[in-house]
PDB file of N, CA and C in Angstrom:
ATOM      1  N   UNK A   1     -12.505   7.306  -8.916  1.00  0.00           N
ATOM      2  CA  UNK A   1     -11.091   6.621  -8.519  1.00  0.00           C
ATOM      3  C   UNK A   1     -11.342   5.317  -7.827  1.00  0.00           C
ATOM      4  N   UNK A   2     -11.262   4.544  -8.002  1.00  0.00           N
ATOM      5  CA  UNK A   2     -11.881   2.847  -7.331  1.00  0.00           C
ATOM      6  C   UNK A   2     -10.783   3.132  -6.439  1.00  0.00           C
ATOM      7  N   UNK A   3     -10.549   1.979  -4.790  1.00  0.00           N
ATOM      8  CA  UNK A   3     -10.312   1.942  -4.086  1.00  0.00           C
ATOM      9  C   UNK A   3      -8.535   1.069  -4.471  1.00  0.00           C
ATOM     10  N   UNK A   4      -8.571   0.273  -5.401  1.00  0.00           N
ATOM     11  CA  UNK A   4      -6.855   0.308  -5.988  1.00  0.00           C
ATOM     12  C   UNK A   4      -6.540   1.725  -6.252  1.00  0.00           C
ATOM     13  N   UNK A   5      -6.670   2.246  -7.196  1.00  0.00           N
ATOM     14  CA  UNK A   5      -6.117   3.690  -7.373  1.00  0.00           C
ATOM     15  C   UNK A   5      -6.433   4.150  -6.511  1.00  0.00           C
ATOM     16  N   UNK A   6      -6.562   3.917  -5.370  1.00  0.00           N
ATOM     17  CA  UNK A   6      -6.618   5.666  -3.923  1.00  0.00           C
ATOM     18  C   UNK A   6      -5.223   4.491  -3.258  1.00  0.00           C
ATOM     19  N   UNK A   7      -4.745   2.925  -3.367  1.00  0.00           N
ATOM     20  CA  UNK A   7      -4.491   2.624  -2.861  1.00  0.00           C
ATOM     21  C   UNK A   7      -3.037   2.454  -2.782  1.00  0.00           C
ATOM     22  N   UNK A   8      -3.532   2.911  -4.450  1.00  0.00           N
ATOM     23  CA  UNK A   8      -1.551   3.551  -4.968  1.00  0.00           C
ATOM     24  C   UNK A   8      -1.239   4.056  -5.054  1.00  0.00           C
ATOM     25  N   UNK A   9      -1.873   5.286  -5.370  1.00  0.00           N
ATOM     26  CA  UNK A   9      -2.204   6.248  -5.060  1.00  0.00           C
ATOM     27  C   UNK A   9      -1.009   7.599  -3.349  1.00  0.00           C
ATOM     28  N   UNK A  10      -2.099   6.299  -2.729  1.00  0.00           N
ATOM     29  CA  UNK A  10      -1.755   6.801  -1.187  1.00  0.00           C
ATOM     30  C   UNK A  10       0.001   5.692  -1.015  1.00  0.00           C
ATOM     31  N   UNK A  11       0.940   4.514  -1.782  1.00  0.00           N
ATOM     32  CA  UNK A  11       1.732   4.396  -1.017  1.00  0.00           C
ATOM     33  C   UNK A  11       2.425   4.972  -2.712  1.00  0.00           C
ATOM     34  N   UNK A  12       2.762   5.943  -3.766  1.00  0.00           N
ATOM     35  CA  UNK A  12       3.008   6.390  -4.509  1.00  0.00           C
ATOM     36  C   UNK A  12       4.116   7.941  -3.335  1.00  0.00           C
ATOM     37  N   UNK A  13       2.903   7.813  -2.715  1.00  0.00           N
ATOM     38  CA  UNK A  13       3.193   9.410  -2.427  1.00  0.00           C
ATOM     39  C   UNK A  13       4.274   9.231  -1.067  1.00  0.00           C
ATOM     40  N   UNK A  14       2.760   8.106   0.301  1.00  0.00           N
ATOM     41  CA  UNK A  14       4.430   8.220   0.493  1.00  0.00           C
ATOM     42  C   UNK A  14       5.484   6.414   0.675  1.00  0.00           C
ATOM     43  N   UNK A  15       5.722   6.452  -0.289  1.00  0.00           N
ATOM     44  CA  UNK A  15       7.168   5.479  -0.719  1.00  0.00           C
ATOM     45  C   UNK A  15       7.888   5.866  -1.447  1.00  0.00           C
ATOM     46  N   UNK A  16       7.172   7.207  -2.013  1.00  0.00           N
ATOM     47  CA  UNK A  16       8.366   7.593  -2.975  1.00  0.00           C
ATOM     48  C   UNK A  16       7.962   7.245  -4.528  1.00  0.00           C
ATOM     49  N   UNK A  17       7.263   6.188  -5.091  1.00  0.00           N
ATOM     50  CA  UNK A  17       7.243   5.425  -5.835  1.00  0.00           C
ATOM     51  C   UNK A  17       6.534   6.039  -7.307  1.00  0.00           C
ATOM     52  N   UNK A  18       7.541   5.955  -8.717  1.00  0.00           N
ATOM     53  CA  UNK A  18       7.201   7.175  -9.389  1.00  0.00           C
ATOM     54  C   UNK A  18       6.401   6.483  -9.792  1.00  0.00           C
ATOM     55  N   UNK A  19       5.118   7.323 -10.760  1.00  0.00           N
ATOM     56  CA  UNK A  19       3.997   6.813 -11.769  1.00  0.00           C
ATOM     57  C   UNK A  19       3.407   5.868 -11.885  1.00  0.00           C
ATOM     58  N   UNK A  20       4.410   4.709 -12.473  1.00  0.00           N
ATOM     59  CA  UNK A  20       4.309   3.487 -13.094  1.00  0.00           C
ATOM     60  C   UNK A  20       4.316   2.737 -11.718  1.00  0.00           C
ATOM     61  N   UNK A  21       4.230   2.798 -10.994  1.00  0.00           N
ATOM     62  CA  UNK A  21       4.584   1.696  -9.977  1.00  0.00           C
ATOM     63  C   UNK A  21       3.904   2.227  -8.694  1.00  0.00           C
ATOM     64  N   UNK A  22       2.599   1.881  -8.100  1.00  0.00           N
ATOM     65  CA  UNK A  22       1.950   0.018  -8.038  1.00  0.00           C
ATOM     66  C   UNK A  22       2.230  -0.301  -9.626  1.00  0.00           C
ATOM     67  N   UNK A  23       2.128  -1.795 -10.114  1.00  0.00           N
ATOM     68  CA  UNK A  23       1.559  -2.588 -11.280  1.00  0.00           C
ATOM     69  C   UNK A  23       0.609  -2.811 -10.478  1.00  0.00           C
ATOM     70  N   UNK A  24      -0.698  -3.608 -11.071  1.00  0.00           N
ATOM     71  CA  UNK A  24      -1.890  -3.932 -10.854  1.00  0.00           C
ATOM     72  C   UNK A  24      -1.265  -5.499 -10.210  1.00  0.00           C
ATOM     73  N   UNK A  25      -0.115  -5.923 -10.849  1.00  0.00           N
ATOM     74  CA  UNK A  25       0.336  -6.931  -9.738  1.00  0.00           C
ATOM     75  C   UNK A  25       1.239  -7.143  -8.872  1.00  0.00           C
ATOM     76  N   UNK A  26       1.603  -6.005  -9.271  1.00  0.00           N
ATOM     77  CA  UNK A  26       3.017  -4.860  -7.958  1.00  0.00           C
ATOM     78  C   UNK A  26       1.514  -4.904  -6.999  1.00  0.00           C
ATOM     79  N   UNK A  27       0.667  -4.706  -7.410  1.00  0.00           N
ATOM     80  CA  UNK A  27       0.033  -4.082  -5.703  1.00  0.00           C
ATOM     81  C   UNK A  27      -1.035  -4.858  -5.601  1.00  0.00           C
ATOM     82  N   UNK A  28      -1.428  -6.287  -6.679  1.00  0.00           N
ATOM     83  CA  UNK A  28      -2.138  -7.413  -5.696  1.00  0.00           C
ATOM     84  C   UNK A  28      -1.275  -8.133  -4.910  1.00  0.00           C
ATOM     85  N   UNK A  29      -0.110  -8.067  -5.073  1.00  0.00           N
ATOM     86  CA  UNK A  29       0.847  -8.835  -3.671  1.00  0.00           C
ATOM     87  C   UNK A  29       1.363  -7.785  -2.511  1.00  0.00           C
ATOM     88  N   UNK A  30       1.788  -7.041  -2.460  1.00  0.00           N
ATOM     89  CA  UNK A  30       1.174  -5.910  -1.718  1.00  0.00           C
ATOM     90  C   UNK A  30       0.498  -6.176  -1.033  1.00  0.00           C
ATOM     91  N   UNK A  31      -1.362  -6.267  -0.905  1.00  0.00           N
ATOM     92  CA  UNK A  31      -2.370  -6.053  -1.093  1.00  0.00           C
ATOM     93  C   UNK A  31      -2.115  -7.594  -0.442  1.00  0.00           C
ATOM     94  N   UNK A  32      -2.018  -9.014  -0.787  1.00  0.00           N
ATOM     95  CA  UNK A  32      -1.076 -10.350  -0.288  1.00  0.00           C
ATOM     96  C   UNK A  32      -0.824  -9.214   1.270  1.00  0.00           C
ATOM     97  N   UNK A  33       0.242  -9.421   1.530  1.00  0.00           N
ATOM     98  CA  UNK A  33       0.899  -9.185   2.202  1.00  0.00           C
ATOM     99  C   UNK A  33       0.379  -8.967   3.438  1.00  0.00           C
ATOM    100  N   UNK A  34       0.173  -7.853   3.028  1.00  0.00           N
ATOM    101  CA  UNK A  34      -0.656  -6.850   4.822  1.00  0.00           C
ATOM    102  C   UNK A  34      -2.327  -8.081   5.060  1.00  0.00           C
ATOM    103  N   UNK A  35      -2.739  -8.857   3.996  1.00  0.00           N
ATOM    104  CA  UNK A  35      -3.854  -9.635   4.426  1.00  0.00           C
ATOM    105  C   UNK A  35      -3.149 -10.339   4.644  1.00  0.00           C
ATOM    106  N   UNK A  36      -1.760 -10.870   5.105  1.00  0.00           N
ATOM    107  CA  UNK A  36      -1.462 -11.583   6.290  1.00  0.00           C
ATOM    108  C   UNK A  36      -1.816 -11.127   7.384  1.00  0.00           C
ATOM    109  N   UNK A  37      -0.629 -10.025   7.379  1.00  0.00           N
ATOM    110  CA  UNK A  37      -0.510  -9.799   8.470  1.00  0.00           C
ATOM    111  C   UNK A  37      -1.520  -9.961   9.617  1.00  0.00           C
ATOM    112  N   UNK A  38      -2.666  -9.062   8.655  1.00  0.00           N
ATOM    113  CA  UNK A  38      -4.280  -9.244   9.368  1.00  0.00           C
ATOM    114  C   UNK A  38      -4.256 -10.128  10.082  1.00  0.00           C
ATOM    115  N   UNK A  39      -4.354 -11.506   8.885  1.00  0.00           N
ATOM    116  CA  UNK A  39      -5.416 -12.463   9.075  1.00  0.00           C
ATOM    117  C   UNK A  39      -4.353 -12.941  10.180  1.00  0.00           C
ATOM    118  N   UNK A  40      -3.068 -12.558  11.022  1.00  0.00           N
ATOM    119  CA  UNK A  40      -2.068 -12.840  12.287  1.00  0.00           C
ATOM    120  C   UNK A  40      -3.031 -12.344  13.732  1.00  0.00           C
ATOM    121  N   UNK A  41      -4.000 -11.437  12.959  1.00  0.00           N
ATOM    122  CA  UNK A  41      -4.570 -10.651  14.637  1.00  0.00           C
ATOM    123  C   UNK A  41      -3.571  -9.520  14.307  1.00  0.00           C
ATOM    124  N   UNK A  42      -2.765  -9.283  13.212  1.00  0.00           N
ATOM    125  CA  UNK A  42      -2.203  -7.732  14.123  1.00  0.00           C
ATOM    126  C   UNK A  42      -2.798  -6.280  12.543  1.00  0.00           C
ATOM    127  N   UNK A  43      -2.617  -5.318  13.529  1.00  0.00           N
ATOM    128  CA  UNK A  43      -2.987  -4.565  12.478  1.00  0.00           C
ATOM    129  C   UNK A  43      -1.227  -4.281  12.127  1.00  0.00           C
ATOM    130  N   UNK A  44      -0.967  -3.673  10.260  1.00  0.00           N
ATOM    131  CA  UNK A  44       0.613  -3.855  10.199  1.00  0.00           C
ATOM    132  C   UNK A  44       0.989  -2.592  10.288  1.00  0.00           C
ATOM    133  N   UNK A  45       2.111  -2.326  10.541  1.00  0.00           N
ATOM    134  CA  UNK A  45       2.764  -0.830  10.724  1.00  0.00           C
ATOM    135  C   UNK A  45       3.323  -0.401   8.756  1.00  0.00           C
ATOM    136  N   UNK A  46       3.766   1.149   9.653  1.00  0.00           N
ATOM    137  CA  UNK A  46       4.226   1.720   8.339  1.00  0.00           C
ATOM    138  C   UNK A  46       5.376   0.643   8.077  1.00  0.00           C
ATOM    139  N   UNK A  47       6.509  -0.159   8.711  1.00  0.00           N
ATOM    140  CA  UNK A  47       7.176  -1.448   8.734  1.00  0.00           C
ATOM    141  C   UNK A  47       6.950  -2.717   7.671  1.00  0.00           C
ATOM    142  N   UNK A  48       5.769  -1.936   7.974  1.00  0.00           N
ATOM    143  CA  UNK A  48       5.339  -3.184   7.779  1.00  0.00           C
ATOM    144  C   UNK A  48       4.851  -3.043   5.730  1.00  0.00           C
ATOM    145  N   UNK A  49       4.492  -2.347   5.794  1.00  0.00           N
ATOM    146  CA  UNK A  49       4.281  -1.558   4.422  1.00  0.00           C
ATOM    147  C   UNK A  49       5.394  -0.977   3.489  1.00  0.00           C
ATOM    148  N   UNK A  50       5.974  -1.032   4.567  1.00  0.00           N
ATOM    149  CA  UNK A  50       7.425  -0.574   4.099  1.00  0.00           C
ATOM    150  C   UNK A  50       7.610  -2.062   3.336  1.00  0.00           C
ATOM    151  N   UNK A  51       8.580  -3.026   4.622  1.00  0.00           N
ATOM    152  CA  UNK A  51       7.910  -3.929   4.190  1.00  0.00           C
ATOM    153  C   UNK A  51       7.548  -4.444   2.501  1.00  0.00           C
ATOM    154  N   UNK A  52       6.404  -4.428   2.562  1.00  0.00           N
ATOM    155  CA  UNK A  52       5.843  -4.930   1.853  1.00  0.00           C
ATOM    156  C   UNK A  52       6.161  -4.567  -0.158  1.00  0.00           C
ATOM    157  N   UNK A  53       5.950  -3.142   0.485  1.00  0.00           N
ATOM    158  CA  UNK A  53       6.171  -2.104  -0.770  1.00  0.00           C
ATOM    159  C   UNK A  53       7.090  -2.586  -1.213  1.00  0.00           C
ATOM    160  N   UNK A  54       8.415  -2.487  -0.303  1.00  0.00           N
ATOM    161  CA  UNK A  54      10.263  -3.120  -1.049  1.00  0.00           C
ATOM    162  C   UNK A  54      10.205  -4.360  -1.361  1.00  0.00           C
ATOM    163  N   UNK A  55       9.500  -5.206  -1.224  1.00  0.00           N
ATOM    164  CA  UNK A  55       9.521  -7.077  -1.590  1.00  0.00           C
ATOM    165  C   UNK A  55       9.011  -6.545  -3.096  1.00  0.00           C
ATOM    166  N   UNK A  56       8.422  -5.642  -3.554  1.00  0.00           N
ATOM    167  CA  UNK A  56       7.398  -5.591  -4.562  1.00  0.00           C
ATOM    168  C   UNK A  56       7.878  -4.970  -5.505  1.00  0.00           C
ATOM    169  N   UNK A  57       8.673  -3.283  -5.489  1.00  0.00           N
ATOM    170  CA  UNK A  57       8.440  -3.098  -6.538  1.00  0.00           C
ATOM    171  C   UNK A  57      10.007  -2.469  -6.583  1.00  0.00           C
ATOM    172  N   UNK A  58      10.475  -1.517  -7.979  1.00  0.00           N
ATOM    173  CA  UNK A  58      11.657  -2.364  -7.662  1.00  0.00           C
ATOM    174  C   UNK A  58      12.325  -0.475  -7.627  1.00  0.00           C
ATOM    175  N   UNK A  59      11.267   0.198  -7.146  1.00  0.00           N
ATOM    176  CA  UNK A  59      11.711   1.706  -7.591  1.00  0.00           C
ATOM    177  C   UNK A  59      11.180   3.032  -6.552  1.00  0.00           C
ATOM    178  N   UNK A  60      11.521   2.043  -5.268  1.00  0.00           N
ATOM    179  CA  UNK A  60      10.563   3.141  -4.407  1.00  0.00           C
ATOM    180  C   UNK A  60      11.936   4.204  -3.786  1.00  0.00           C
ATOM    181  N   UNK A  61      11.529   5.137  -2.989  1.00  0.00           N
ATOM    182  CA  UNK A  61      12.418   6.564  -3.122  1.00  0.00           C
ATOM    183  C   UNK A  61      12.612   7.321  -3.816  1.00  0.00           C
ATOM    184  N   UNK A  62      13.077   6.229  -5.023  1.00  0.00           N
ATOM    185  CA  UNK A  62      13.552   7.401  -6.285  1.00  0.00           C
ATOM    186  C   UNK A  62      12.211   8.487  -6.965  1.00  0.00           C
ATOM    187  N   UNK A  63      11.292   8.996  -6.131  1.00  0.00           N
ATOM    188  CA  UNK A  63      10.271   9.643  -6.275  1.00  0.00           C
ATOM    189  C   UNK A  63       9.843  10.843  -5.520  1.00  0.00           C
ATOM    190  N   UNK A  64       9.689  11.833  -5.665  1.00  0.00           N
ATOM    191  CA  UNK A  64       9.564  12.928  -4.683  1.00  0.00           C
ATOM    192  C   UNK A  64       8.729  14.058  -4.901  1.00  0.00           C
ATOM    193  N   UNK A  65       7.475  13.933  -3.773  1.00  0.00           N
ATOM    194  CA  UNK A  65       6.594  14.379  -4.092  1.00  0.00           C
ATOM    195  C   UNK A  65       5.931  15.433  -2.589  1.00  0.00           C
ATOM    196  N   UNK A  66       5.590  16.549  -2.970  1.00  0.00           N
ATOM    197  CA  UNK A  66       5.810  17.967  -2.170  1.00  0.00           C
ATOM    198  C   UNK A  66       4.920  17.335  -1.185  1.00  0.00           C
ATOM    199  N   UNK A  67       4.693  18.297   0.081  1.00  0.00           N
ATOM    200  CA  UNK A  67       3.360  18.482   0.795  1.00  0.00           C
ATOM    201  C   UNK A  67       2.657  16.996   1.026  1.00  0.00           C
ATOM    202  N   UNK A  68       3.742  15.786   1.246  1.00  0.00           N
ATOM    203  CA  UNK A  68       2.871  14.322   1.914  1.00  0.00           C
ATOM    204  C   UNK A  68       3.115  15.132   3.005  1.00  0.00           C
ATOM    205  N   UNK A  69       1.659  13.740   3.274  1.00  0.00           N
ATOM    206  CA  UNK A  69       1.107  13.427   4.450  1.00  0.00           C
ATOM    207  C   UNK A  69       0.989  13.228   5.305  1.00  0.00           C
ATOM    208  N   UNK A  70       2.128  12.251   6.211  1.00  0.00           N
ATOM    209  CA  UNK A  70       2.849  11.156   6.723  1.00  0.00           C
ATOM    210  C   UNK A  70       1.081  10.343   7.359  1.00  0.00           C
ATOM    211  N   UNK A  71       0.227  11.222   7.886  1.00  0.00           N
ATOM    212  CA  UNK A  71      -1.361  10.342   8.027  1.00  0.00           C
ATOM    213  C   UNK A  71      -1.726   8.949   7.192  1.00  0.00           C
ATOM    214  N   UNK A  72      -1.388   9.577   5.726  1.00  0.00           N
ATOM    215  CA  UNK A  72      -2.126   8.552   4.502  1.00  0.00           C
ATOM    216  C   UNK A  72      -1.407   7.010   5.615  1.00  0.00           C
ATOM    217  N   UNK A  73      -0.894   6.813   6.524  1.00  0.00           N
ATOM    218  CA  UNK A  73      -0.659   5.308   6.592  1.00  0.00           C
ATOM    219  C   UNK A  73      -1.766   4.581   7.329  1.00  0.00           C
ATOM    220  N   UNK A  74      -3.139   5.991   7.705  1.00  0.00           N
ATOM    221  CA  UNK A  74      -3.876   5.563   8.058  1.00  0.00           C
ATOM    222  C   UNK A  74      -4.827   4.963   7.368  1.00  0.00           C
ATOM    223  N   UNK A  75      -5.270   5.723   6.118  1.00  0.00           N
ATOM    224  CA  UNK A  75      -6.094   6.072   4.767  1.00  0.00           C
ATOM    225  C   UNK A  75      -5.472   3.718   3.916  1.00  0.00           C
ATOM    226  N   UNK A  76      -3.870   4.398   4.158  1.00  0.00           N
ATOM    227  CA  UNK A  76      -3.827   2.376   4.052  1.00  0.00           C
ATOM    228  C   UNK A  76      -4.365   1.667   4.414  1.00  0.00           C
ATOM    229  N   UNK A  77      -4.426   1.517   5.668  1.00  0.00           N
ATOM    230  CA  UNK A  77      -4.526   0.988   6.495  1.00  0.00           C
ATOM    231  C   UNK A  77      -6.347   0.666   6.274  1.00  0.00           C
ATOM    232  N   UNK A  78      -7.891   1.217   6.050  1.00  0.00           N
ATOM    233  CA  UNK A  78      -8.495   1.534   5.984  1.00  0.00           C
ATOM    234  C   UNK A  78      -8.493   1.242   4.315  1.00  0.00           C
ATOM    235  N   UNK A  79      -7.597   1.076   3.894  1.00  0.00           N
ATOM    236  CA  UNK A  79      -8.011   0.174   2.458  1.00  0.00           C
ATOM    237  C   UNK A  79      -7.725  -0.875   1.860  1.00  0.00           C
ATOM    238  N   UNK A  80      -7.062  -1.831   2.672  1.00  0.00           N
ATOM    239  CA  UNK A  80      -6.694  -2.529   3.685  1.00  0.00           C
ATOM    240  C   UNK A  80      -7.101  -3.489   3.710  1.00  0.00           C
ATOM    241  N   UNK A  81      -8.414  -3.032   5.470  1.00  0.00           N
ATOM    242  CA  UNK A  81      -8.804  -3.133   5.200  1.00  0.00           C
ATOM    243  C   UNK A  81     -10.275  -4.083   4.431  1.00  0.00           C
ATOM    244  N   UNK A  82     -10.999  -2.576   3.812  1.00  0.00           N
ATOM    245  CA  UNK A  82     -12.213  -2.760   2.991  1.00  0.00           C
ATOM    246  C   UNK A  82     -11.488  -4.106   0.965  1.00  0.00           C
ATOM    247  N   UNK A  83     -10.759  -4.136   1.321  1.00  0.00           N
ATOM    248  CA  UNK A  83     -10.211  -4.556   0.245  1.00  0.00           C
ATOM    249  C   UNK A  83     -10.090  -6.085   0.506  1.00  0.00           C
ATOM    250  N   UNK A  84      -9.913  -6.439   1.863  1.00  0.00           N
ATOM    251  CA  UNK A  84      -9.724  -7.339   2.301  1.00  0.00           C
ATOM    252  C   UNK A  84     -10.700  -8.698   2.432  1.00  0.00           C
ATOM    253  N   UNK A  85     -11.991  -6.994   2.903  1.00  0.00           N
ATOM    254  CA  UNK A  85     -13.773  -7.888   3.375  1.00  0.00           C
ATOM    255  C   UNK A  85     -14.041  -8.041   1.743  1.00  0.00           C
ATOM    256  N   UNK A  86     -13.529  -7.697   0.760  1.00  0.00           N
ATOM    257  CA  UNK A  86     -14.323  -7.289  -0.425  1.00  0.00           C
ATOM    258  C   UNK A  86     -13.505  -8.973  -0.024  1.00  0.00           C
ATOM    259  N   UNK A  87     -12.228  -8.968  -0.978  1.00  0.00           N
ATOM    260  CA  UNK A  87     -11.646 -10.312  -1.506  1.00  0.00           C
ATOM    261  C   UNK A  87     -12.733 -11.719  -0.570  1.00  0.00           C
ATOM    262  N   UNK A  88     -13.101 -11.759   0.095  1.00  0.00           N
ATOM    263  CA  UNK A  88     -13.369 -12.773   0.731  1.00  0.00           C
ATOM    264  C   UNK A  88     -15.173 -12.354   0.492  1.00  0.00           C
ATOM    265  N   UNK A  89     -15.678 -12.515  -0.209  1.00  0.00           N
ATOM    266  CA  UNK A  89     -16.653 -12.402  -0.584  1.00  0.00           C
ATOM    267  C   UNK A  89     -16.881 -13.304  -1.854  1.00  0.00           C
TER     268      UNK A  89
END
């Protein structure tokens, strides 16, 4: 699985997105929003992630997955940082 696949999966679990979301285009927009927050010197909060997802995905909260662990926010942050570093190369 690629980092984008891992990030998409985490977003689905955390924000109740259906299997078809986020699309590659939506994911790119979400990553850009989070990168801008990081570039401002802040660590993105769960609320920042939620705003970015809601701004780019139409079906937030429509899917339900059992056994969700909210600690995946740390995973999201780690993946976003890794993606941001990779995109700067």
